[in-house]
Amino acid sequence: MATNSSAKEAKTSTDISKLRIRVRAYEHKILDMSVKQIMDTALRFDAEVVGPIPLPTDIKRYTVNRSSFVYKDAREQFEMRMHKRVIDIKNPSPKVIEALTNLSLPSGVSIDVKMI
């Protein structure tokens, strides 16, 4: 029994905590600039960075009638594209987390941060 508890303690001490940052935006150029800014900030504090990993683009399509009463067959189609990237930071130090929270990113970029 004593070996079991010591094995669990050893396992918890070797667990690697990760900071998973998911960045989303409608424009890919602004998204790439903000991802580069996040990566430069993390690398400045010697953090191990994995990514950016591009995720599939979400496309929402809308079809609208051109006229309200006559010419029902005339339609317009619109789409919105949501570009996404994921960045993993392994073993983030408190300095890295503080620098990332103070980061100023352009509007239109949404960020989700998870500790794994």
C-alpha atoms as a PDB file:
ATOM      1  CA  MET A   1       0.000   0.000   0.000  1.00  0.00           C
ATOM      2  CA  ALA A   2       2.820   2.410   0.765  1.00  0.00           C
ATOM      3  CA  THR A   3       4.229   1.976  -2.749  1.00  0.00           C
ATOM      4  CA  ASN A   4       0.842   2.839  -4.249  1.00  0.00           C
ATOM      5  CA  SER A   5       0.590   6.196  -2.451  1.00  0.00           C
ATOM      6  CA  SER A   6       4.188   7.109  -3.280  1.00  0.00           C
ATOM      7  CA  ALA A   7       3.530   6.309  -6.955  1.00  0.00           C
ATOM      8  CA  LYS A   8       0.512   8.646  -6.922  1.00  0.00           C
ATOM      9  CA  GLU A   9       2.567  11.417  -5.333  1.00  0.00           C
ATOM     10  CA  ALA A  10       5.281  10.980  -7.938  1.00  0.00           C
ATOM     11  CA  LYS A  11       2.678  11.102 -10.697  1.00  0.00           C
ATOM     12  CA  THR A  12       1.129  14.348  -9.449  1.00  0.00           C
ATOM     13  CA  SER A  13       4.523  16.017  -9.125  1.00  0.00           C
ATOM     14  CA  THR A  14       5.400  15.141 -12.741  1.00  0.00           C
ATOM     15  CA  ASP A  15       2.064  16.344 -14.168  1.00  0.00           C
ATOM     16  CA  ILE A  16       2.658  19.118 -16.621  1.00  0.00           C
ATOM     17  CA  SER A  17       0.276  22.018 -16.354  1.00  0.00           C
ATOM     18  CA  LYS A  18      -0.599  23.714 -19.613  1.00  0.00           C
ATOM     19  CA  LEU A  19      -2.172  26.991 -20.484  1.00  0.00           C
ATOM     20  CA  ARG A  20      -4.396  26.508 -23.555  1.00  0.00           C
ATOM     21  CA  ILE A  21      -5.247  29.750 -25.351  1.00  0.00           C
ATOM     22  CA  ARG A  22      -7.946  29.657 -28.012  1.00  0.00           C
ATOM     23  CA  VAL A  23      -8.071  32.753 -30.204  1.00  0.00           C
ATOM     24  CA  ARG A  24     -10.935  33.531 -32.600  1.00  0.00           C
ATOM     25  CA  ALA A  25     -11.578  36.376 -35.055  1.00  0.00           C
ATOM     26  CA  TYR A  26     -13.435  37.168 -38.253  1.00  0.00           C
ATOM     27  CA  GLU A  27     -10.334  38.492 -40.053  1.00  0.00           C
ATOM     28  CA  HIS A  28      -7.357  36.164 -40.370  1.00  0.00           C
ATOM     29  CA  LYS A  29      -4.750  38.948 -40.620  1.00  0.00           C
ATOM     30  CA  ILE A  30      -5.752  40.469 -37.276  1.00  0.00           C
ATOM     31  CA  LEU A  31      -5.877  36.966 -35.809  1.00  0.00           C
ATOM     32  CA  ASP A  32      -2.344  36.148 -36.980  1.00  0.00           C
ATOM     33  CA  MET A  33      -1.014  39.454 -35.620  1.00  0.00           C
ATOM     34  CA  SER A  34      -2.550  38.844 -32.192  1.00  0.00           C
ATOM     35  CA  VAL A  35      -1.283  35.227 -32.106  1.00  0.00           C
ATOM     36  CA  LYS A  36       2.218  36.469 -32.924  1.00  0.00           C
ATOM     37  CA  GLN A  37       1.955  39.030 -30.130  1.00  0.00           C
ATOM     38  CA  ILE A  38       0.894  36.311 -27.639  1.00  0.00           C
ATOM     39  CA  MET A  39       3.726  34.012 -28.728  1.00  0.00           C
ATOM     40  CA  ASP A  40       6.345  36.792 -28.517  1.00  0.00           C
ATOM     41  CA  THR A  41       5.185  37.622 -24.986  1.00  0.00           C
ATOM     42  CA  ALA A  42       5.386  33.985 -23.895  1.00  0.00           C
ATOM     43  CA  LEU A  43       8.799  33.452 -25.497  1.00  0.00           C
ATOM     44  CA  ARG A  44      10.148  36.611 -23.855  1.00  0.00           C
ATOM     45  CA  PHE A  45       9.739  34.858 -20.477  1.00  0.00           C
ATOM     46  CA  ASP A  46      11.288  31.568 -21.741  1.00  0.00           C
ATOM     47  CA  ALA A  47       8.042  29.602 -21.790  1.00  0.00           C
ATOM     48  CA  GLU A  48       7.697  26.519 -23.963  1.00  0.00           C
ATOM     49  CA  VAL A  49       5.136  27.348 -26.665  1.00  0.00           C
ATOM     50  CA  VAL A  50       3.368  24.847 -28.933  1.00  0.00           C
ATOM     51  CA  GLY A  51       1.494  26.306 -31.854  1.00  0.00           C
ATOM     52  CA  PRO A  52      -0.245  28.199 -33.278  1.00  0.00           C
ATOM     53  CA  ILE A  53      -2.393  25.302 -34.414  1.00  0.00           C
ATOM     54  CA  PRO A  54      -5.021  26.332 -36.974  1.00  0.00           C
ATOM     55  CA  LEU A  55      -8.473  24.922 -36.332  1.00  0.00           C
ATOM     56  CA  PRO A  56     -11.191  24.499 -38.978  1.00  0.00           C
ATOM     57  CA  THR A  57     -12.909  27.711 -40.016  1.00  0.00           C
ATOM     58  CA  ASP A  58     -16.569  27.982 -39.031  1.00  0.00           C
ATOM     59  CA  ILE A  59     -18.660  29.241 -41.935  1.00  0.00           C
ATOM     60  CA  LYS A  60     -22.183  30.518 -41.347  1.00  0.00           C
ATOM     61  CA  ARG A  61     -24.189  31.014 -44.533  1.00  0.00           C
ATOM     62  CA  TYR A  62     -27.384  33.042 -44.809  1.00  0.00           C
ATOM     63  CA  THR A  63     -29.767  33.145 -47.766  1.00  0.00           C
ATOM     64  CA  VAL A  64     -32.047  36.189 -48.072  1.00  0.00           C
ATOM     65  CA  ASN A  65     -34.795  37.093 -50.551  1.00  0.00           C
ATOM     66  CA  ARG A  66     -33.869  40.109 -52.657  1.00  0.00           C
ATOM     67  CA  SER A  67     -37.393  41.415 -52.805  1.00  0.00           C
ATOM     68  CA  SER A  68     -40.174  41.020 -50.321  1.00  0.00           C
ATOM     69  CA  PHE A  69     -43.129  40.330 -52.606  1.00  0.00           C
ATOM     70  CA  VAL A  70     -42.299  39.809 -56.268  1.00  0.00           C
ATOM     71  CA  TYR A  71     -39.401  37.755 -57.719  1.00  0.00           C
ATOM     72  CA  LYS A  72     -39.272  35.110 -55.012  1.00  0.00           C
ATOM     73  CA  ASP A  73     -36.579  33.227 -56.926  1.00  0.00           C
ATOM     74  CA  ALA A  74     -34.108  36.116 -56.650  1.00  0.00           C
ATOM     75  CA  ARG A  75     -31.955  35.473 -53.596  1.00  0.00           C
ATOM     76  CA  GLU A  76     -28.711  36.775 -52.097  1.00  0.00           C
ATOM     77  CA  GLN A  77     -26.289  34.660 -50.115  1.00  0.00           C
ATOM     78  CA  PHE A  78     -23.988  35.938 -47.385  1.00  0.00           C
ATOM     79  CA  GLU A  79     -21.430  34.174 -45.211  1.00  0.00           C
ATOM     80  CA  MET A  80     -19.458  34.881 -42.056  1.00  0.00           C
ATOM     81  CA  ARG A  81     -16.163  33.095 -41.470  1.00  0.00           C
ATOM     82  CA  MET A  82     -14.774  32.556 -37.971  1.00  0.00           C
ATOM     83  CA  HIS A  83     -11.028  31.768 -38.010  1.00  0.00           C
ATOM     84  CA  LYS A  84      -9.560  29.974 -34.975  1.00  0.00           C
ATOM     85  CA  ARG A  85      -6.099  29.176 -33.581  1.00  0.00           C
ATOM     86  CA  VAL A  86      -4.889  27.287 -30.494  1.00  0.00           C
ATOM     87  CA  ILE A  87      -1.688  27.985 -28.575  1.00  0.00           C
ATOM     88  CA  ASP A  88      -0.394  25.742 -25.767  1.00  0.00           C
ATOM     89  CA  ILE A  89       2.068  27.062 -23.201  1.00  0.00           C
ATOM     90  CA  LYS A  90       3.694  24.325 -21.117  1.00  0.00           C
ATOM     91  CA  ASN A  91       4.574  25.010 -17.470  1.00  0.00           C
ATOM     92  CA  PRO A  92       3.690  28.716 -17.440  1.00  0.00           C
ATOM     93  CA  SER A  93       5.348  30.764 -14.727  1.00  0.00           C
ATOM     94  CA  PRO A  94       3.409  33.471 -12.867  1.00  0.00           C
ATOM     95  CA  LYS A  95       5.340  36.116 -14.823  1.00  0.00           C
ATOM     96  CA  VAL A  96       4.067  34.674 -18.112  1.00  0.00           C
ATOM     97  CA  ILE A  97       0.466  34.626 -16.890  1.00  0.00           C
ATOM     98  CA  GLU A  98       0.728  38.202 -15.640  1.00  0.00           C
ATOM     99  CA  ALA A  99       2.244  39.401 -18.929  1.00  0.00           C
ATOM    100  CA  LEU A 100      -0.503  37.686 -20.919  1.00  0.00           C
ATOM    101  CA  THR A 101      -3.264  39.259 -18.818  1.00  0.00           C
ATOM    102  CA  ASN A 102      -1.791  42.731 -19.377  1.00  0.00           C
ATOM    103  CA  LEU A 103      -1.612  42.185 -23.141  1.00  0.00           C
ATOM    104  CA  SER A 104      -3.562  44.650 -25.283  1.00  0.00           C
ATOM    105  CA  LEU A 105      -5.055  42.962 -28.352  1.00  0.00           C
ATOM    106  CA  PRO A 106      -7.080  44.514 -31.185  1.00  0.00           C
ATOM    107  CA  SER A 107     -10.861  44.597 -31.053  1.00  0.00           C
ATOM    108  CA  GLY A 108     -12.633  41.776 -32.833  1.00  0.00           C
ATOM    109  CA  VAL A 109     -10.373  39.118 -31.318  1.00  0.00           C
ATOM    110  CA  SER A 110     -11.869  36.864 -28.652  1.00  0.00           C
ATOM    111  CA  ILE A 111      -9.689  34.797 -26.341  1.00  0.00           C
ATOM    112  CA  ASP A 112     -10.506  31.752 -24.199  1.00  0.00           C
ATOM    113  CA  VAL A 113      -7.886  30.627 -21.683  1.00  0.00           C
ATOM    114  CA  LYS A 114      -7.918  27.239 -19.936  1.00  0.00           C
ATOM    115  CA  MET A 115      -5.566  25.618 -17.433  1.00  0.00           C
ATOM    116  CA  ILE A 116      -5.095  21.928 -18.204  1.00  0.00           C
END
